[in-house]
Amino acid sequence: FRSYPIEGQLNFPINKQVFFIPDLQHEAFGKFFSNEILRRRRLAFNYALSKAGAIGTNSEYTRQTLLAHEWTACRDIFVMNPGLSDEFQKARLSDLSEEERAVIPEKDFFLYPANLWPHKNHQRTLEAFSSFLRETGREVEFIFTGNPEGWETIRTRFSHLPIRHLGFVGTSLLKILYQKASALVFFSLYEGFGIPLLEAFYSGTPVIC
């Protein structure tokens, strides 16, 4: 079983290998990748699609996308239904440190846990947030988590907004943020599935997507 197609090949018959392919984002939004990364992804993914013994994916949508791809010769493509980790389900407020408790907003806030990748659509999300604040007059903060690389550029562009990026956070803090958030805002342009939706549903949190 191989968790993701990469260029390097194993010294093991590929028709007895099972790959996990979560999406074909590079085909839908090639502009989000450098030419070199796009070339490497296509080489690795097309090789897997054409020769793998079987392919697992995480939604029926992605399964149909894989089956329709021009390089797909593998016909054994099946859905591996996503689920929440035990760690997330069992997380409690009492698990938090004092430092973690201190970053939880006291007022209303929206939550978006996602790395600052282009397809996660942070700029237009914040443009929408700006319009929301202007039209409603509500006092709401926007909390982001994930890899903070690139945040300073975004923060400068939207310095007039009440926004914070907490960086990578532990599972317990993330779950509490879900529970206390007014809503999960999930304006991603492309997902094979979108685990934050499950996390929000489990936490009883409304979803705007």
N, C-alpha and C. Protein backbone atom coordinates (compact mmCIF):
# COMPACT_ATOMS: atom_id res chain seq x y z
N PHE A 1 0.85 -1.20 0.00
CA PHE A 1 0.00 0.00 0.00
C PHE A 1 0.88 1.24 0.00
N ARG A 2 0.60 2.16 -0.92
CA ARG A 2 1.37 3.41 -1.02
C ARG A 2 0.43 4.59 -0.81
N SER A 3 0.84 5.48 0.09
CA SER A 3 -0.08 6.52 0.50
C SER A 3 -0.22 7.67 -0.49
N TYR A 4 0.71 7.80 -1.45
CA TYR A 4 0.62 8.92 -2.39
C TYR A 4 1.59 8.66 -3.55
N PRO A 5 1.19 8.93 -4.76
CA PRO A 5 2.10 8.70 -5.89
C PRO A 5 3.30 9.65 -5.85
N ILE A 6 4.50 9.10 -5.98
CA ILE A 6 5.71 9.89 -6.11
C ILE A 6 6.51 9.31 -7.27
N GLU A 7 7.52 10.07 -7.72
CA GLU A 7 8.28 9.63 -8.89
C GLU A 7 9.05 8.34 -8.64
N GLY A 8 9.64 8.21 -7.47
CA GLY A 8 10.44 7.04 -7.17
C GLY A 8 9.60 5.77 -7.17
N GLN A 9 10.12 4.70 -7.75
CA GLN A 9 9.37 3.45 -7.84
C GLN A 9 9.99 2.37 -6.95
N LEU A 10 9.14 1.49 -6.47
CA LEU A 10 9.59 0.39 -5.62
C LEU A 10 10.01 -0.81 -6.45
N ASN A 11 10.93 -1.58 -5.94
CA ASN A 11 11.33 -2.82 -6.59
C ASN A 11 10.33 -3.90 -6.19
N PHE A 12 9.10 -3.72 -6.66
CA PHE A 12 7.98 -4.59 -6.31
C PHE A 12 6.95 -4.44 -7.42
N PRO A 13 6.33 -5.51 -7.87
CA PRO A 13 5.41 -5.41 -9.02
C PRO A 13 4.33 -4.35 -8.81
N ILE A 14 4.22 -3.41 -9.73
CA ILE A 14 3.27 -2.32 -9.54
C ILE A 14 1.83 -2.81 -9.64
N ASN A 15 1.61 -3.93 -10.36
CA ASN A 15 0.24 -4.44 -10.45
C ASN A 15 -0.21 -5.11 -9.15
N LYS A 16 0.69 -5.17 -8.17
CA LYS A 16 0.32 -5.65 -6.84
C LYS A 16 0.39 -4.52 -5.80
N GLN A 17 0.53 -3.30 -6.28
CA GLN A 17 0.56 -2.14 -5.38
C GLN A 17 -0.79 -1.44 -5.38
N VAL A 18 -1.19 -0.96 -4.19
CA VAL A 18 -2.41 -0.18 -4.02
C VAL A 18 -2.00 1.25 -3.65
N PHE A 19 -2.44 2.21 -4.44
CA PHE A 19 -2.14 3.61 -4.19
C PHE A 19 -3.35 4.31 -3.55
N PHE A 20 -3.06 5.32 -2.74
CA PHE A 20 -4.12 6.22 -2.27
C PHE A 20 -3.96 7.56 -2.98
N ILE A 21 -4.99 7.97 -3.72
CA ILE A 21 -4.97 9.25 -4.44
C ILE A 21 -6.16 10.08 -3.95
N PRO A 22 -5.90 11.15 -3.19
CA PRO A 22 -7.00 11.94 -2.62
C PRO A 22 -7.68 12.88 -3.60
N ASP A 23 -6.96 13.31 -4.65
CA ASP A 23 -7.55 14.24 -5.60
C ASP A 23 -6.62 14.39 -6.80
N LEU A 24 -7.12 15.10 -7.81
CA LEU A 24 -6.30 15.46 -8.97
C LEU A 24 -6.27 16.98 -9.11
N GLN A 25 -5.99 17.64 -8.00
CA GLN A 25 -6.02 19.10 -7.98
C GLN A 25 -5.10 19.71 -9.03
N HIS A 26 -3.96 19.05 -9.28
CA HIS A 26 -3.00 19.62 -10.23
C HIS A 26 -3.57 19.65 -11.65
N GLU A 27 -4.54 18.80 -11.95
CA GLU A 27 -5.17 18.83 -13.27
C GLU A 27 -6.24 19.93 -13.33
N ALA A 28 -6.93 20.15 -12.23
CA ALA A 28 -7.99 21.17 -12.20
C ALA A 28 -7.41 22.57 -12.08
N PHE A 29 -6.33 22.72 -11.31
CA PHE A 29 -5.73 24.03 -11.06
C PHE A 29 -4.22 23.97 -11.24
N GLY A 30 -3.79 23.65 -12.45
CA GLY A 30 -2.37 23.57 -12.73
C GLY A 30 -1.62 24.86 -12.47
N LYS A 31 -2.33 26.00 -12.54
CA LYS A 31 -1.69 27.31 -12.34
C LYS A 31 -1.20 27.49 -10.91
N PHE A 32 -1.65 26.66 -9.99
CA PHE A 32 -1.21 26.78 -8.60
C PHE A 32 0.12 26.07 -8.33
N PHE A 33 0.66 25.42 -9.35
CA PHE A 33 1.90 24.67 -9.19
C PHE A 33 2.98 25.23 -10.12
N SER A 34 4.23 25.12 -9.67
CA SER A 34 5.33 25.49 -10.56
C SER A 34 5.39 24.46 -11.68
N ASN A 35 6.05 24.81 -12.78
CA ASN A 35 6.15 23.89 -13.91
C ASN A 35 6.81 22.58 -13.52
N GLU A 36 7.86 22.67 -12.67
CA GLU A 36 8.59 21.47 -12.27
C GLU A 36 7.72 20.56 -11.39
N ILE A 37 7.02 21.13 -10.42
CA ILE A 37 6.16 20.32 -9.55
C ILE A 37 5.01 19.73 -10.35
N LEU A 38 4.46 20.51 -11.27
CA LEU A 38 3.37 20.02 -12.10
C LEU A 38 3.84 18.84 -12.95
N ARG A 39 5.05 18.94 -13.52
CA ARG A 39 5.61 17.85 -14.32
C ARG A 39 5.79 16.60 -13.47
N ARG A 40 6.33 16.77 -12.27
CA ARG A 40 6.59 15.62 -11.40
C ARG A 40 5.30 14.97 -10.93
N ARG A 41 4.30 15.77 -10.62
CA ARG A 41 3.02 15.21 -10.19
C ARG A 41 2.36 14.42 -11.33
N ARG A 42 2.36 14.98 -12.51
CA ARG A 42 1.73 14.29 -13.64
C ARG A 42 2.44 12.98 -13.95
N LEU A 43 3.76 12.99 -13.88
CA LEU A 43 4.52 11.77 -14.14
C LEU A 43 4.16 10.69 -13.12
N ALA A 44 4.15 11.05 -11.84
CA ALA A 44 3.88 10.07 -10.78
C ALA A 44 2.43 9.61 -10.79
N PHE A 45 1.50 10.56 -10.91
CA PHE A 45 0.09 10.20 -10.87
C PHE A 45 -0.32 9.40 -12.10
N ASN A 46 0.14 9.80 -13.28
CA ASN A 46 -0.24 9.08 -14.49
C ASN A 46 0.32 7.66 -14.50
N TYR A 47 1.52 7.49 -13.95
CA TYR A 47 2.10 6.15 -13.84
C TYR A 47 1.24 5.28 -12.94
N ALA A 48 0.80 5.82 -11.81
CA ALA A 48 -0.05 5.06 -10.89
C ALA A 48 -1.40 4.75 -11.52
N LEU A 49 -2.01 5.73 -12.16
CA LEU A 49 -3.32 5.54 -12.77
C LEU A 49 -3.29 4.49 -13.88
N SER A 50 -2.17 4.40 -14.56
CA SER A 50 -2.10 3.49 -15.71
C SER A 50 -1.67 2.08 -15.34
N LYS A 51 -0.99 1.90 -14.19
CA LYS A 51 -0.39 0.60 -13.92
C LYS A 51 -0.71 -0.01 -12.55
N ALA A 52 -1.29 0.76 -11.63
CA ALA A 52 -1.53 0.25 -10.28
C ALA A 52 -2.47 -0.94 -10.26
N GLY A 53 -2.30 -1.79 -9.26
CA GLY A 53 -3.22 -2.92 -9.09
C GLY A 53 -4.58 -2.44 -8.62
N ALA A 54 -4.58 -1.42 -7.77
CA ALA A 54 -5.83 -0.84 -7.28
C ALA A 54 -5.53 0.56 -6.74
N ILE A 55 -6.57 1.37 -6.66
CA ILE A 55 -6.44 2.75 -6.18
C ILE A 55 -7.57 3.04 -5.21
N GLY A 56 -7.21 3.52 -4.03
CA GLY A 56 -8.20 3.98 -3.08
C GLY A 56 -8.28 5.49 -3.10
N THR A 57 -9.47 6.03 -2.86
CA THR A 57 -9.64 7.48 -2.78
C THR A 57 -10.68 7.79 -1.72
N ASN A 58 -10.91 9.08 -1.45
CA ASN A 58 -11.70 9.43 -0.27
C ASN A 58 -13.10 9.98 -0.54
N SER A 59 -13.55 9.94 -1.79
CA SER A 59 -14.94 10.35 -2.07
C SER A 59 -15.36 9.79 -3.42
N GLU A 60 -16.66 9.67 -3.61
CA GLU A 60 -17.17 9.20 -4.88
C GLU A 60 -16.87 10.20 -5.99
N TYR A 61 -16.86 11.49 -5.63
CA TYR A 61 -16.52 12.52 -6.61
C TYR A 61 -15.11 12.27 -7.17
N THR A 62 -14.14 12.06 -6.28
CA THR A 62 -12.78 11.84 -6.75
C THR A 62 -12.68 10.52 -7.50
N ARG A 63 -13.41 9.51 -7.06
CA ARG A 63 -13.39 8.22 -7.76
C ARG A 63 -13.82 8.41 -9.22
N GLN A 64 -14.89 9.16 -9.44
CA GLN A 64 -15.36 9.39 -10.80
C GLN A 64 -14.34 10.23 -11.60
N THR A 65 -13.68 11.18 -10.92
CA THR A 65 -12.65 11.99 -11.57
C THR A 65 -11.49 11.11 -12.02
N LEU A 66 -11.08 10.18 -11.17
CA LEU A 66 -9.98 9.28 -11.52
C LEU A 66 -10.37 8.36 -12.67
N LEU A 67 -11.58 7.82 -12.63
CA LEU A 67 -12.03 6.92 -13.69
C LEU A 67 -12.09 7.63 -15.04
N ALA A 68 -12.39 8.93 -15.02
CA ALA A 68 -12.54 9.69 -16.27
C ALA A 68 -11.21 10.19 -16.82
N HIS A 69 -10.13 10.06 -16.04
CA HIS A 69 -8.84 10.59 -16.47
C HIS A 69 -8.30 9.79 -17.66
N GLU A 70 -7.67 10.48 -18.61
CA GLU A 70 -7.23 9.84 -19.84
C GLU A 70 -6.15 8.78 -19.62
N TRP A 71 -5.40 8.86 -18.53
CA TRP A 71 -4.34 7.89 -18.28
C TRP A 71 -4.80 6.68 -17.48
N THR A 72 -6.04 6.70 -17.01
CA THR A 72 -6.49 5.64 -16.11
C THR A 72 -6.74 4.33 -16.86
N ALA A 73 -5.95 3.32 -16.51
CA ALA A 73 -6.17 1.97 -17.02
C ALA A 73 -6.62 1.06 -15.88
N CYS A 74 -6.28 1.44 -14.64
CA CYS A 74 -6.71 0.69 -13.47
C CYS A 74 -8.22 0.81 -13.32
N ARG A 75 -8.91 -0.32 -13.20
CA ARG A 75 -10.36 -0.28 -13.06
C ARG A 75 -10.81 -0.56 -11.63
N ASP A 76 -9.87 -0.96 -10.78
CA ASP A 76 -10.22 -1.23 -9.38
C ASP A 76 -9.95 0.04 -8.57
N ILE A 77 -10.89 0.96 -8.61
CA ILE A 77 -10.78 2.22 -7.88
C ILE A 77 -11.93 2.26 -6.88
N PHE A 78 -11.60 2.36 -5.62
CA PHE A 78 -12.62 2.23 -4.57
C PHE A 78 -12.53 3.38 -3.57
N VAL A 79 -13.63 3.63 -2.88
CA VAL A 79 -13.71 4.72 -1.90
C VAL A 79 -13.34 4.21 -0.52
N MET A 80 -12.42 4.92 0.13
CA MET A 80 -12.06 4.67 1.53
C MET A 80 -12.67 5.82 2.33
N ASN A 81 -13.82 5.56 2.95
CA ASN A 81 -14.55 6.65 3.60
C ASN A 81 -13.73 7.31 4.70
N PRO A 82 -13.61 8.65 4.67
CA PRO A 82 -12.85 9.35 5.70
C PRO A 82 -13.55 9.26 7.05
N GLY A 83 -12.76 9.39 8.11
CA GLY A 83 -13.32 9.41 9.45
C GLY A 83 -12.45 10.25 10.35
N LEU A 84 -12.99 10.67 11.48
CA LEU A 84 -12.24 11.48 12.43
C LEU A 84 -11.32 10.59 13.26
N SER A 85 -10.19 11.15 13.64
CA SER A 85 -9.26 10.42 14.49
C SER A 85 -9.81 10.30 15.90
N ASP A 86 -9.41 9.25 16.59
CA ASP A 86 -9.79 9.09 18.00
C ASP A 86 -9.29 10.28 18.80
N GLU A 87 -8.11 10.79 18.44
CA GLU A 87 -7.52 11.91 19.17
C GLU A 87 -8.43 13.12 19.13
N PHE A 88 -9.02 13.39 17.97
CA PHE A 88 -9.93 14.54 17.85
C PHE A 88 -11.21 14.30 18.64
N GLN A 89 -11.76 13.12 18.53
CA GLN A 89 -13.03 12.84 19.20
C GLN A 89 -12.91 12.90 20.72
N LYS A 90 -11.76 12.53 21.25
CA LYS A 90 -11.59 12.45 22.71
C LYS A 90 -11.02 13.73 23.31
N ALA A 91 -10.67 14.72 22.49
CA ALA A 91 -10.06 15.95 22.99
C ALA A 91 -11.03 16.70 23.91
N ARG A 92 -10.48 17.30 24.98
CA ARG A 92 -11.30 18.01 25.96
C ARG A 92 -10.66 19.36 26.31
N LEU A 93 -11.49 20.26 26.83
CA LEU A 93 -10.99 21.56 27.26
C LEU A 93 -9.93 21.41 28.33
N SER A 94 -10.09 20.41 29.19
CA SER A 94 -9.14 20.20 30.29
C SER A 94 -7.75 19.79 29.79
N ASP A 95 -7.65 19.40 28.53
CA ASP A 95 -6.37 19.01 27.96
C ASP A 95 -5.50 20.21 27.59
N LEU A 96 -6.08 21.41 27.57
CA LEU A 96 -5.36 22.58 27.09
C LEU A 96 -4.41 23.14 28.14
N SER A 97 -3.30 23.68 27.65
CA SER A 97 -2.37 24.38 28.52
C SER A 97 -2.88 25.81 28.74
N GLU A 98 -2.28 26.53 29.66
CA GLU A 98 -2.66 27.92 29.90
C GLU A 98 -2.41 28.76 28.66
N GLU A 99 -1.31 28.49 27.96
CA GLU A 99 -1.00 29.24 26.74
C GLU A 99 -2.05 29.01 25.67
N GLU A 100 -2.52 27.77 25.57
CA GLU A 100 -3.55 27.47 24.57
C GLU A 100 -4.87 28.13 24.94
N ARG A 101 -5.23 28.11 26.19
CA ARG A 101 -6.47 28.75 26.62
C ARG A 101 -6.46 30.25 26.33
N ALA A 102 -5.26 30.84 26.43
CA ALA A 102 -5.15 32.28 26.28
C ALA A 102 -5.43 32.76 24.87
N VAL A 103 -5.30 31.90 23.85
CA VAL A 103 -5.51 32.35 22.46
C VAL A 103 -6.94 32.16 22.00
N ILE A 104 -7.79 31.55 22.82
CA ILE A 104 -9.19 31.35 22.43
C ILE A 104 -9.93 32.69 22.54
N PRO A 105 -10.54 33.15 21.45
CA PRO A 105 -11.23 34.45 21.49
C PRO A 105 -12.39 34.44 22.49
N GLU A 106 -12.61 35.59 23.11
CA GLU A 106 -13.74 35.73 24.02
C GLU A 106 -15.01 36.11 23.28
N LYS A 107 -14.87 36.79 22.15
CA LYS A 107 -16.02 37.22 21.37
C LYS A 107 -16.28 36.24 20.22
N ASP A 108 -17.29 36.55 19.42
CA ASP A 108 -17.63 35.71 18.27
C ASP A 108 -16.47 35.67 17.27
N PHE A 109 -16.31 34.51 16.63
CA PHE A 109 -15.27 34.40 15.61
C PHE A 109 -15.61 33.31 14.60
N PHE A 110 -15.08 33.50 13.39
CA PHE A 110 -15.11 32.47 12.36
C PHE A 110 -13.79 31.72 12.39
N LEU A 111 -13.80 30.48 11.89
CA LEU A 111 -12.61 29.64 11.91
C LEU A 111 -12.34 29.08 10.52
N TYR A 112 -11.06 29.09 10.13
CA TYR A 112 -10.65 28.43 8.88
C TYR A 112 -9.31 27.76 9.13
N PRO A 113 -9.30 26.43 9.36
CA PRO A 113 -8.05 25.69 9.55
C PRO A 113 -7.54 25.18 8.21
N ALA A 114 -6.54 25.86 7.65
CA ALA A 114 -6.02 25.46 6.33
C ALA A 114 -4.67 26.11 6.09
N ASN A 115 -3.76 25.38 5.46
CA ASN A 115 -2.51 25.99 5.05
C ASN A 115 -2.77 27.09 4.02
N LEU A 116 -1.84 28.01 3.90
CA LEU A 116 -2.03 29.16 3.01
C LEU A 116 -1.67 28.83 1.57
N TRP A 117 -2.26 27.76 1.06
CA TRP A 117 -2.04 27.36 -0.33
C TRP A 117 -3.03 28.11 -1.22
N PRO A 118 -2.68 28.37 -2.48
CA PRO A 118 -3.57 29.16 -3.35
C PRO A 118 -5.00 28.63 -3.43
N HIS A 119 -5.16 27.30 -3.53
CA HIS A 119 -6.52 26.78 -3.71
C HIS A 119 -7.36 26.90 -2.45
N LYS A 120 -6.74 27.21 -1.32
CA LYS A 120 -7.51 27.40 -0.09
C LYS A 120 -8.22 28.76 -0.08
N ASN A 121 -7.82 29.67 -0.99
CA ASN A 121 -8.64 30.84 -1.31
C ASN A 121 -8.75 31.85 -0.17
N HIS A 122 -7.66 32.07 0.55
CA HIS A 122 -7.71 32.97 1.71
C HIS A 122 -8.02 34.42 1.31
N GLN A 123 -7.47 34.88 0.20
CA GLN A 123 -7.68 36.29 -0.16
C GLN A 123 -9.15 36.59 -0.38
N ARG A 124 -9.84 35.78 -1.16
CA ARG A 124 -11.26 36.04 -1.42
C ARG A 124 -12.10 35.78 -0.17
N THR A 125 -11.63 34.85 0.68
CA THR A 125 -12.33 34.63 1.95
C THR A 125 -12.30 35.91 2.79
N LEU A 126 -11.14 36.57 2.84
CA LEU A 126 -11.03 37.79 3.62
C LEU A 126 -11.73 38.97 2.95
N GLU A 127 -11.80 38.97 1.63
CA GLU A 127 -12.59 40.00 0.95
C GLU A 127 -14.07 39.85 1.32
N ALA A 128 -14.52 38.61 1.39
CA ALA A 128 -15.91 38.35 1.80
C ALA A 128 -16.13 38.75 3.26
N PHE A 129 -15.15 38.47 4.10
CA PHE A 129 -15.24 38.83 5.51
C PHE A 129 -15.32 40.35 5.67
N SER A 130 -14.53 41.06 4.88
CA SER A 130 -14.56 42.52 4.92
C SER A 130 -15.95 43.04 4.56
N SER A 131 -16.54 42.46 3.53
CA SER A 131 -17.90 42.86 3.12
C SER A 131 -18.91 42.54 4.21
N PHE A 132 -18.73 41.38 4.84
CA PHE A 132 -19.63 40.97 5.93
C PHE A 132 -19.61 41.98 7.08
N LEU A 133 -18.41 42.37 7.50
CA LEU A 133 -18.29 43.33 8.61
C LEU A 133 -18.89 44.68 8.22
N ARG A 134 -18.64 45.11 7.00
CA ARG A 134 -19.15 46.41 6.54
C ARG A 134 -20.67 46.42 6.47
N GLU A 135 -21.26 45.33 6.01
CA GLU A 135 -22.71 45.31 5.80
C GLU A 135 -23.50 44.98 7.06
N THR A 136 -22.88 44.26 8.01
CA THR A 136 -23.61 43.86 9.21
C THR A 136 -23.26 44.70 10.43
N GLY A 137 -22.05 45.25 10.46
CA GLY A 137 -21.63 46.01 11.63
C GLY A 137 -21.34 45.14 12.84
N ARG A 138 -21.28 43.85 12.68
CA ARG A 138 -21.04 42.94 13.80
C ARG A 138 -19.57 42.93 14.21
N GLU A 139 -19.33 42.64 15.49
CA GLU A 139 -17.98 42.49 15.99
C GLU A 139 -17.62 41.01 15.97
N VAL A 140 -16.93 40.60 14.93
CA VAL A 140 -16.55 39.20 14.75
C VAL A 140 -15.08 39.16 14.35
N GLU A 141 -14.35 38.23 14.94
CA GLU A 141 -12.95 38.04 14.59
C GLU A 141 -12.84 36.84 13.65
N PHE A 142 -11.72 36.75 12.92
CA PHE A 142 -11.49 35.60 12.05
C PHE A 142 -10.19 34.94 12.50
N ILE A 143 -10.28 33.64 12.84
CA ILE A 143 -9.13 32.88 13.32
C ILE A 143 -8.71 31.88 12.25
N PHE A 144 -7.40 31.86 11.94
CA PHE A 144 -6.84 30.91 11.00
C PHE A 144 -5.83 30.02 11.73
N THR A 145 -5.72 28.79 11.28
CA THR A 145 -4.69 27.88 11.79
C THR A 145 -4.02 27.18 10.61
N GLY A 146 -2.93 26.47 10.89
CA GLY A 146 -2.20 25.76 9.85
C GLY A 146 -0.82 26.37 9.66
N ASN A 147 -0.19 26.03 8.56
CA ASN A 147 1.13 26.56 8.25
C ASN A 147 1.03 28.07 8.00
N PRO A 148 1.76 28.89 8.77
CA PRO A 148 1.62 30.35 8.63
C PRO A 148 2.49 30.97 7.54
N GLU A 149 3.20 30.14 6.77
CA GLU A 149 4.07 30.69 5.73
C GLU A 149 3.26 31.52 4.73
N GLY A 150 3.65 32.78 4.56
CA GLY A 150 2.93 33.67 3.68
C GLY A 150 1.90 34.55 4.37
N TRP A 151 1.73 34.36 5.68
CA TRP A 151 0.70 35.10 6.41
C TRP A 151 0.98 36.60 6.45
N GLU A 152 2.23 37.00 6.61
CA GLU A 152 2.54 38.42 6.73
C GLU A 152 2.09 39.21 5.51
N THR A 153 2.21 38.62 4.34
CA THR A 153 1.75 39.29 3.12
C THR A 153 0.25 39.50 3.16
N ILE A 154 -0.47 38.45 3.55
CA ILE A 154 -1.93 38.55 3.64
C ILE A 154 -2.33 39.53 4.73
N ARG A 155 -1.66 39.45 5.88
CA ARG A 155 -1.99 40.32 7.01
C ARG A 155 -1.81 41.79 6.64
N THR A 156 -0.77 42.10 5.90
CA THR A 156 -0.53 43.48 5.48
C THR A 156 -1.64 43.96 4.56
N ARG A 157 -2.08 43.08 3.67
CA ARG A 157 -3.11 43.43 2.70
C ARG A 157 -4.46 43.68 3.38
N PHE A 158 -4.68 42.99 4.51
CA PHE A 158 -5.97 43.12 5.21
C PHE A 158 -5.76 43.61 6.64
N SER A 159 -4.88 44.59 6.79
CA SER A 159 -4.53 45.08 8.13
C SER A 159 -5.70 45.75 8.84
N HIS A 160 -6.75 46.11 8.11
CA HIS A 160 -7.91 46.77 8.72
C HIS A 160 -8.89 45.78 9.33
N LEU A 161 -8.63 44.48 9.15
CA LEU A 161 -9.58 43.47 9.62
C LEU A 161 -9.12 42.84 10.95
N PRO A 162 -10.07 42.42 11.79
CA PRO A 162 -9.73 41.71 13.03
C PRO A 162 -9.45 40.24 12.75
N ILE A 163 -8.22 39.95 12.35
CA ILE A 163 -7.85 38.59 11.97
C ILE A 163 -6.60 38.17 12.72
N ARG A 164 -6.51 36.86 13.00
CA ARG A 164 -5.33 36.30 13.67
C ARG A 164 -5.01 34.94 13.07
N HIS A 165 -3.72 34.64 12.98
CA HIS A 165 -3.28 33.31 12.54
C HIS A 165 -2.54 32.67 13.70
N LEU A 166 -3.01 31.52 14.17
CA LEU A 166 -2.43 30.86 15.33
C LEU A 166 -1.34 29.86 14.96
N GLY A 167 -1.09 29.68 13.66
CA GLY A 167 -0.10 28.70 13.24
C GLY A 167 -0.62 27.28 13.47
N PHE A 168 0.29 26.34 13.57
CA PHE A 168 -0.12 24.95 13.86
C PHE A 168 -0.60 24.88 15.31
N VAL A 169 -1.74 24.23 15.52
CA VAL A 169 -2.26 24.07 16.88
C VAL A 169 -2.49 22.59 17.16
N GLY A 170 -2.50 22.25 18.43
CA GLY A 170 -2.75 20.87 18.83
C GLY A 170 -4.19 20.46 18.59
N THR A 171 -4.43 19.17 18.60
CA THR A 171 -5.77 18.64 18.32
C THR A 171 -6.80 19.13 19.33
N SER A 172 -6.43 19.17 20.59
CA SER A 172 -7.38 19.59 21.63
C SER A 172 -7.80 21.04 21.43
N LEU A 173 -6.83 21.92 21.15
CA LEU A 173 -7.16 23.33 20.92
C LEU A 173 -8.01 23.48 19.67
N LEU A 174 -7.67 22.75 18.62
CA LEU A 174 -8.46 22.85 17.38
C LEU A 174 -9.91 22.46 17.63
N LYS A 175 -10.13 21.40 18.38
CA LYS A 175 -11.51 20.97 18.65
C LYS A 175 -12.26 22.03 19.45
N ILE A 176 -11.62 22.64 20.44
CA ILE A 176 -12.28 23.68 21.23
C ILE A 176 -12.57 24.90 20.37
N LEU A 177 -11.67 25.23 19.45
CA LEU A 177 -11.93 26.34 18.54
C LEU A 177 -13.17 26.06 17.69
N TYR A 178 -13.29 24.83 17.21
CA TYR A 178 -14.50 24.45 16.47
C TYR A 178 -15.74 24.67 17.33
N GLN A 179 -15.70 24.17 18.55
CA GLN A 179 -16.87 24.21 19.43
C GLN A 179 -17.30 25.64 19.76
N LYS A 180 -16.33 26.55 19.84
CA LYS A 180 -16.64 27.92 20.22
C LYS A 180 -16.86 28.85 19.03
N ALA A 181 -16.50 28.40 17.83
CA ALA A 181 -16.63 29.25 16.65
C ALA A 181 -18.08 29.48 16.27
N SER A 182 -18.36 30.66 15.72
CA SER A 182 -19.69 30.91 15.17
C SER A 182 -19.95 30.04 13.96
N ALA A 183 -18.89 29.78 13.19
CA ALA A 183 -19.01 28.91 12.02
C ALA A 183 -17.62 28.57 11.49
N LEU A 184 -17.53 27.43 10.84
CA LEU A 184 -16.37 27.11 10.00
C LEU A 184 -16.62 27.76 8.65
N VAL A 185 -15.67 28.57 8.19
CA VAL A 185 -15.75 29.16 6.85
C VAL A 185 -14.77 28.38 5.97
N PHE A 186 -15.29 27.76 4.94
CA PHE A 186 -14.48 26.83 4.14
C PHE A 186 -14.70 27.14 2.67
N PHE A 187 -13.99 28.18 2.19
CA PHE A 187 -14.17 28.63 0.81
C PHE A 187 -13.09 28.09 -0.12
N SER A 188 -12.59 26.91 0.17
CA SER A 188 -11.59 26.27 -0.68
C SER A 188 -12.12 26.11 -2.10
N LEU A 189 -11.24 26.27 -3.07
CA LEU A 189 -11.64 26.12 -4.47
C LEU A 189 -11.66 24.67 -4.92
N TYR A 190 -10.94 23.80 -4.20
CA TYR A 190 -10.87 22.41 -4.65
C TYR A 190 -10.52 21.50 -3.48
N GLU A 191 -11.29 20.43 -3.31
CA GLU A 191 -11.02 19.43 -2.28
C GLU A 191 -11.40 18.06 -2.82
N GLY A 192 -10.56 17.06 -2.50
CA GLY A 192 -10.98 15.69 -2.77
C GLY A 192 -12.09 15.30 -1.82
N PHE A 193 -12.01 15.81 -0.60
CA PHE A 193 -13.06 15.57 0.38
C PHE A 193 -13.26 16.80 1.26
N GLY A 194 -12.30 17.11 2.13
CA GLY A 194 -12.44 18.26 3.03
C GLY A 194 -12.73 17.83 4.46
N ILE A 195 -11.73 17.29 5.15
CA ILE A 195 -11.89 16.78 6.52
C ILE A 195 -12.43 17.84 7.50
N PRO A 196 -12.06 19.14 7.37
CA PRO A 196 -12.63 20.12 8.31
C PRO A 196 -14.15 20.12 8.36
N LEU A 197 -14.80 19.73 7.28
CA LEU A 197 -16.26 19.66 7.30
C LEU A 197 -16.72 18.61 8.31
N LEU A 198 -16.07 17.45 8.31
CA LEU A 198 -16.41 16.41 9.28
C LEU A 198 -16.13 16.88 10.70
N GLU A 199 -15.00 17.55 10.89
CA GLU A 199 -14.64 18.03 12.22
C GLU A 199 -15.66 19.03 12.73
N ALA A 200 -16.14 19.90 11.85
CA ALA A 200 -17.16 20.88 12.24
C ALA A 200 -18.48 20.21 12.57
N PHE A 201 -18.91 19.28 11.72
CA PHE A 201 -20.16 18.58 11.98
C PHE A 201 -20.11 17.87 13.33
N TYR A 202 -19.00 17.19 13.60
CA TYR A 202 -18.86 16.45 14.85
C TYR A 202 -18.91 17.41 16.04
N SER A 203 -18.40 18.64 15.86
CA SER A 203 -18.35 19.60 16.95
C SER A 203 -19.66 20.40 17.09
N GLY A 204 -20.62 20.16 16.20
CA GLY A 204 -21.87 20.89 16.26
C GLY A 204 -21.73 22.32 15.76
N THR A 205 -20.77 22.55 14.87
CA THR A 205 -20.46 23.90 14.39
C THR A 205 -21.07 24.13 13.01
N PRO A 206 -21.78 25.23 12.79
CA PRO A 206 -22.29 25.52 11.44
C PRO A 206 -21.16 25.66 10.44
N VAL A 207 -21.46 25.35 9.18
CA VAL A 207 -20.46 25.40 8.12
C VAL A 207 -20.93 26.35 7.02
N ILE A 208 -20.04 27.27 6.61
CA ILE A 208 -20.29 28.12 5.46
C ILE A 208 -19.28 27.72 4.40
N CYS A 209 -19.75 27.13 3.29
CA CYS A 209 -18.80 26.65 2.28
C CYS A 209 -19.40 26.77 0.89
